């Protein structure tokens, strides 16, 4: 990825440079009502989308090596759509039919709703957190006698395993898909005024693809504390952090930054 002409650390006026282009490190939205497109229209900013990480399935043959007995569990924890998709892929390839009394614990309504792609929700036992893993913990505590299965990626947060172990709740971690860096070689000669990251894996992918990356005048935006920490640990300056009290979304935080720039320029 191309470098800007001036170094960020040597340029105290970097925040006065208007943001005219943003790279969102996520896939292109499938609808036309993306809030990023609203920002593009409102402020005349070029917004590009490019997933920095890709998901690869763990082959059933590889999964079997871990000797995870799915049907030995009474509950499944889902934290993402990817987990749902790959869990039921493994079940299908293993010719496993989930029992009607299996309990499902989902991190959010969105994940729970997505389950309808594979099961009829009204016939199953479903428990949903409000949004975060911490919210889901309170629900799990009420069912601590279940035997939980936690389908996940090879790269995952420690919060759920740590909680289960601390509360002596029986669970099995099952790696069913892998998170890997996408090939970004076509971006080698491209510079953006702002790059928005959503996971530590995105930062890892950046440096796998561009080991000599220098931030220079590029503003870095991060969603969530673990992503923010990954930005700082990589030696980058974090300019835009979300969520914030007045901006719970990434787009909201970016817009607050842009508006603050405009107000500063008027002074």
Protein backbone atom coordinates (compact mmCIF):
# COMPACT_ATOMS: atom_id res chain seq x y z
CA UNK A 1 0.00 0.00 0.00
CA UNK A 2 1.50 3.29 -1.07
CA UNK A 3 2.87 5.69 1.50
CA UNK A 4 1.92 9.35 1.85
CA UNK A 5 4.60 11.92 1.21
CA UNK A 6 4.89 13.22 4.78
CA UNK A 7 5.39 11.28 7.98
CA UNK A 8 2.55 11.46 10.49
CA UNK A 9 4.86 11.73 13.47
CA UNK A 10 6.68 14.71 11.94
CA UNK A 11 3.50 16.52 10.89
CA UNK A 12 1.45 17.98 13.78
CA UNK A 13 -1.04 19.31 11.24
CA UNK A 14 -2.02 15.86 9.97
CA UNK A 15 -5.47 16.11 11.50
CA UNK A 16 -6.15 19.25 9.50
CA UNK A 17 -5.81 17.29 6.25
CA UNK A 18 -9.38 16.60 5.01
CA UNK A 19 -10.46 12.99 4.62
CA UNK A 20 -11.32 12.50 0.97
CA UNK A 21 -11.01 8.70 0.78
CA UNK A 22 -11.81 5.86 3.17
CA UNK A 23 -10.99 2.17 2.93
CA UNK A 24 -13.41 0.01 4.93
CA UNK A 25 -11.77 -3.33 5.64
CA UNK A 26 -15.01 -5.27 5.23
CA UNK A 27 -16.82 -6.79 2.23
CA UNK A 28 -18.85 -4.59 -0.10
CA UNK A 29 -22.38 -4.07 1.32
CA UNK A 30 -25.12 -6.01 -0.45
CA UNK A 31 -27.63 -3.16 -0.13
CA UNK A 32 -27.65 0.47 -1.18
CA UNK A 33 -28.52 1.85 2.25
CA UNK A 34 -25.10 1.40 3.87
CA UNK A 35 -24.27 4.25 6.29
CA UNK A 36 -20.84 4.46 4.67
CA UNK A 37 -22.47 5.37 1.38
CA UNK A 38 -24.43 8.07 3.21
CA UNK A 39 -21.14 9.54 4.45
CA UNK A 40 -19.75 9.38 0.91
CA UNK A 41 -22.74 11.32 -0.46
CA UNK A 42 -22.92 13.80 2.40
CA UNK A 43 -19.25 14.79 2.42
CA UNK A 44 -18.16 13.96 -1.12
CA UNK A 45 -15.80 11.23 0.09
CA UNK A 46 -14.66 8.20 -1.88
CA UNK A 47 -15.44 5.03 0.11
CA UNK A 48 -14.03 1.67 -0.95
CA UNK A 49 -14.66 -1.72 0.65
CA UNK A 50 -12.14 -4.53 0.81
CA UNK A 51 -12.17 -7.50 3.19
CA UNK A 52 -8.74 -7.82 4.82
CA UNK A 53 -9.46 -11.29 6.14
CA UNK A 54 -10.99 -14.39 4.61
CA UNK A 55 -12.69 -17.38 6.14
CA UNK A 56 -11.59 -20.88 5.17
CA UNK A 57 -13.50 -24.00 6.21
CA UNK A 58 -11.85 -26.61 8.37
CA UNK A 59 -12.21 -29.84 6.42
CA UNK A 60 -14.33 -32.51 8.05
CA UNK A 61 -11.34 -34.87 7.97
CA UNK A 62 -9.30 -32.33 9.92
CA UNK A 63 -12.19 -31.67 12.32
CA UNK A 64 -12.47 -35.37 13.14
CA UNK A 65 -8.85 -35.39 14.33
CA UNK A 66 -9.91 -33.26 17.30
CA UNK A 67 -12.36 -36.01 18.30
CA UNK A 68 -15.16 -33.60 19.20
CA UNK A 69 -18.42 -35.46 19.83
CA UNK A 70 -21.07 -32.93 18.87
CA UNK A 71 -23.96 -35.01 20.16
CA UNK A 72 -22.31 -35.38 23.56
CA UNK A 73 -23.27 -31.76 24.20
CA UNK A 74 -26.61 -30.29 25.22
CA UNK A 75 -26.04 -26.69 24.13
CA UNK A 76 -24.21 -24.75 21.41
CA UNK A 77 -22.83 -21.21 21.64
CA UNK A 78 -22.87 -19.11 18.45
CA UNK A 79 -21.07 -15.77 18.21
CA UNK A 80 -21.28 -15.14 14.45
CA UNK A 81 -22.91 -16.13 11.18
CA UNK A 82 -19.67 -17.80 10.13
CA UNK A 83 -19.87 -20.04 13.18
CA UNK A 84 -23.47 -20.96 12.32
CA UNK A 85 -22.67 -21.72 8.68
CA UNK A 86 -19.60 -23.85 9.37
CA UNK A 87 -21.13 -25.69 12.30
CA UNK A 88 -24.04 -26.92 10.23
CA UNK A 89 -21.69 -27.66 7.33
CA UNK A 90 -19.73 -29.96 9.65
CA UNK A 91 -22.97 -31.55 10.84
CA UNK A 92 -24.12 -32.17 7.27
CA UNK A 93 -20.78 -33.64 6.21
CA UNK A 94 -20.75 -35.84 9.31
CA UNK A 95 -24.38 -36.84 8.74
CA UNK A 96 -25.33 -35.51 12.17
CA UNK A 97 -28.92 -34.41 12.79
CA UNK A 98 -29.27 -32.05 15.71
CA UNK A 99 -31.70 -33.31 18.37
CA UNK A 100 -34.88 -31.32 18.99
CA UNK A 101 -33.93 -30.62 22.61
CA UNK A 102 -30.54 -29.07 21.76
CA UNK A 103 -30.22 -25.58 23.25
CA UNK A 104 -28.73 -22.69 21.30
CA UNK A 105 -27.10 -19.65 22.91
CA UNK A 106 -26.57 -16.73 20.49
CA UNK A 107 -24.61 -13.56 21.10
CA UNK A 108 -27.23 -11.35 19.42
CA UNK A 109 -30.67 -11.27 17.83
CA UNK A 110 -29.02 -11.08 14.40
CA UNK A 111 -27.16 -14.34 14.96
CA UNK A 112 -30.26 -15.99 16.42
CA UNK A 113 -32.35 -14.89 13.45
CA UNK A 114 -29.73 -16.28 11.08
CA UNK A 115 -30.21 -19.71 12.66
CA UNK A 116 -33.52 -19.93 10.81
CA UNK A 117 -31.48 -20.77 7.74
CA UNK A 118 -30.84 -24.18 9.31
CA UNK A 119 -33.48 -24.85 11.99
CA UNK A 120 -37.08 -23.98 12.81
CA UNK A 121 -36.64 -21.71 15.78
CA UNK A 122 -40.07 -22.25 17.31
CA UNK A 123 -39.25 -25.92 17.78
CA UNK A 124 -35.93 -25.35 19.45
CA UNK A 125 -34.70 -23.90 22.72
CA UNK A 126 -33.09 -20.54 22.00
CA UNK A 127 -31.36 -18.10 24.35
CA UNK A 128 -30.05 -14.74 23.19
CA UNK A 129 -27.72 -12.11 24.62
CA UNK A 130 -28.28 -8.44 23.92
CA UNK A 131 -25.14 -7.80 21.89
CA UNK A 132 -21.85 -8.74 23.54
CA UNK A 133 -20.35 -11.89 25.03
CA UNK A 134 -20.66 -10.28 28.47
CA UNK A 135 -24.43 -10.01 27.98
CA UNK A 136 -24.56 -13.67 27.01
CA UNK A 137 -22.66 -14.69 30.16
CA UNK A 138 -25.62 -13.74 32.32
CA UNK A 139 -27.83 -16.04 30.26
CA UNK A 140 -25.34 -18.91 30.37
CA UNK A 141 -25.06 -18.65 34.15
CA UNK A 142 -28.71 -19.65 34.41
CA UNK A 143 -27.94 -22.86 32.48
CA UNK A 144 -24.54 -23.73 33.91
CA UNK A 145 -25.36 -27.44 34.14
CA UNK A 146 -25.50 -27.80 30.36
CA UNK A 147 -22.61 -29.28 28.38
CA UNK A 148 -21.68 -26.49 25.99
CA UNK A 149 -20.07 -26.69 22.56
CA UNK A 150 -18.34 -23.53 21.36
CA UNK A 151 -17.77 -23.60 17.54
CA UNK A 152 -15.22 -20.95 16.63
CA UNK A 153 -12.35 -19.84 14.42
CA UNK A 154 -8.68 -20.60 14.93
CA UNK A 155 -8.45 -16.93 15.93
CA UNK A 156 -10.94 -15.94 18.60
CA UNK A 157 -11.24 -13.82 21.73
CA UNK A 158 -10.50 -15.37 25.09
CA UNK A 159 -13.61 -14.01 26.81
CA UNK A 160 -15.92 -17.01 26.41
CA UNK A 161 -13.37 -19.76 27.27
CA UNK A 162 -12.12 -17.69 30.23
CA UNK A 163 -15.65 -17.20 31.53
CA UNK A 164 -16.53 -20.88 31.18
CA UNK A 165 -13.37 -21.99 32.96
CA UNK A 166 -13.72 -19.42 35.74
CA UNK A 167 -17.28 -20.55 36.40
CA UNK A 168 -16.45 -24.25 36.06
CA UNK A 169 -18.97 -24.74 33.27
CA UNK A 170 -18.39 -27.76 31.05
CA UNK A 171 -17.58 -26.77 27.48
CA UNK A 172 -15.68 -27.94 24.42
CA UNK A 173 -14.03 -25.60 21.97
CA UNK A 174 -14.37 -26.73 18.35
CA UNK A 175 -12.36 -24.99 15.61
CA UNK A 176 -14.55 -25.28 12.51
CA UNK A 177 -13.17 -22.49 10.32
CA UNK A 178 -9.98 -20.48 9.94
CA UNK A 179 -9.45 -16.74 9.66
CA UNK A 180 -6.62 -15.93 7.23
CA UNK A 181 -5.18 -12.81 5.64
CA UNK A 182 -6.63 -11.87 2.26
CA UNK A 183 -4.36 -11.15 -0.72
CA UNK A 184 -4.19 -7.35 -0.93
CA UNK A 185 -1.32 -7.07 -3.41
CA UNK A 186 -3.46 -5.02 -5.81
CA UNK A 187 -3.57 -2.22 -3.20
CA UNK A 188 0.19 -1.76 -3.24
CA UNK A 189 0.04 1.53 -5.15
CA UNK A 190 -3.09 2.89 -3.46
CA UNK A 191 -3.24 5.45 -0.65
CA UNK A 192 -6.27 6.26 1.53
CA UNK A 193 -6.80 9.14 3.93
CA UNK A 194 -8.50 6.79 6.38
CA UNK A 195 -8.54 3.01 6.90
CA UNK A 196 -11.23 1.51 9.14
CA UNK A 197 -10.42 -1.72 11.00
CA UNK A 198 -12.81 -4.02 12.85
CA UNK A 199 -10.63 -6.76 14.32
CA UNK A 200 -7.01 -7.45 15.30
CA UNK A 201 -6.91 -9.88 12.36
CA UNK A 202 -7.34 -6.92 10.02
CA UNK A 203 -4.21 -5.29 11.45
CA UNK A 204 -2.33 -8.58 11.12
CA UNK A 205 -3.41 -8.85 7.49
CA UNK A 206 -2.21 -5.30 6.81
CA UNK A 207 1.34 -6.12 7.88
CA UNK A 208 1.36 -9.57 6.29
CA UNK A 209 0.57 -7.91 2.98
CA UNK A 210 2.63 -4.75 3.55
CA UNK A 211 5.46 -5.48 6.04
CA UNK A 212 6.95 -2.01 5.50
CA UNK A 213 3.67 -0.14 5.89
CA UNK A 214 4.08 3.40 7.24
CA UNK A 215 1.04 5.28 8.47
CA UNK A 216 2.21 8.74 7.49
CA UNK A 217 -0.89 10.95 7.01
CA UNK A 218 -3.37 8.09 6.90
CA UNK A 219 -5.90 8.23 9.72
CA UNK A 220 -6.55 4.88 11.41
CA UNK A 221 -10.03 4.02 12.72
CA UNK A 222 -10.72 1.03 14.96
CA UNK A 223 -13.91 -0.55 16.26
CA UNK A 224 -13.76 -2.15 19.69
CA UNK A 225 -11.10 -2.21 22.41
CA UNK A 226 -9.24 -5.28 21.12
CA UNK A 227 -8.88 -3.72 17.67
CA UNK A 228 -7.76 -0.44 19.21
CA UNK A 229 -5.12 -2.28 21.24
CA UNK A 230 -3.91 -4.11 18.11
CA UNK A 231 -3.50 -0.76 16.34
CA UNK A 232 -1.40 0.66 19.14
CA UNK A 233 0.60 -2.56 19.61
CA UNK A 234 1.50 -2.37 15.92
CA UNK A 235 3.04 1.05 16.51
CA UNK A 236 0.28 2.92 14.67
CA UNK A 237 -1.46 6.06 15.85
CA UNK A 238 -5.17 5.54 16.52
CA UNK A 239 -7.10 8.56 15.30
CA UNK A 240 -10.72 7.40 15.38
CA UNK A 241 -12.00 4.98 18.01
CA UNK A 242 -15.48 3.46 18.15
CA UNK A 243 -17.80 2.98 19.82
CA UNK A 244 -17.99 6.31 21.64
CA UNK A 245 -20.77 7.62 23.93
CA UNK A 246 -21.89 10.02 21.21
CA UNK A 247 -21.11 7.66 18.32
CA UNK A 248 -21.83 3.94 18.91
CA UNK A 249 -21.00 2.95 15.32
CA UNK A 250 -17.87 3.20 13.19
CA UNK A 251 -19.61 5.49 10.72
CA UNK A 252 -20.77 7.71 13.58
CA UNK A 253 -17.23 8.01 14.95
CA UNK A 254 -15.83 8.82 11.50
CA UNK A 255 -18.49 11.47 10.98
CA UNK A 256 -17.71 13.05 14.37
CA UNK A 257 -14.05 13.24 13.32
CA UNK A 258 -14.95 14.86 9.99
CA UNK A 259 -17.25 17.38 11.67
CA UNK A 260 -14.59 18.25 14.24
CA UNK A 261 -12.16 18.87 11.38
CA UNK A 262 -14.60 21.23 9.71
CA UNK A 263 -15.23 23.14 12.95
CA UNK A 264 -11.49 23.50 13.53
CA UNK A 265 -10.99 24.84 10.00
CA UNK A 266 -13.63 27.54 10.60
CA UNK A 267 -11.80 28.94 13.63
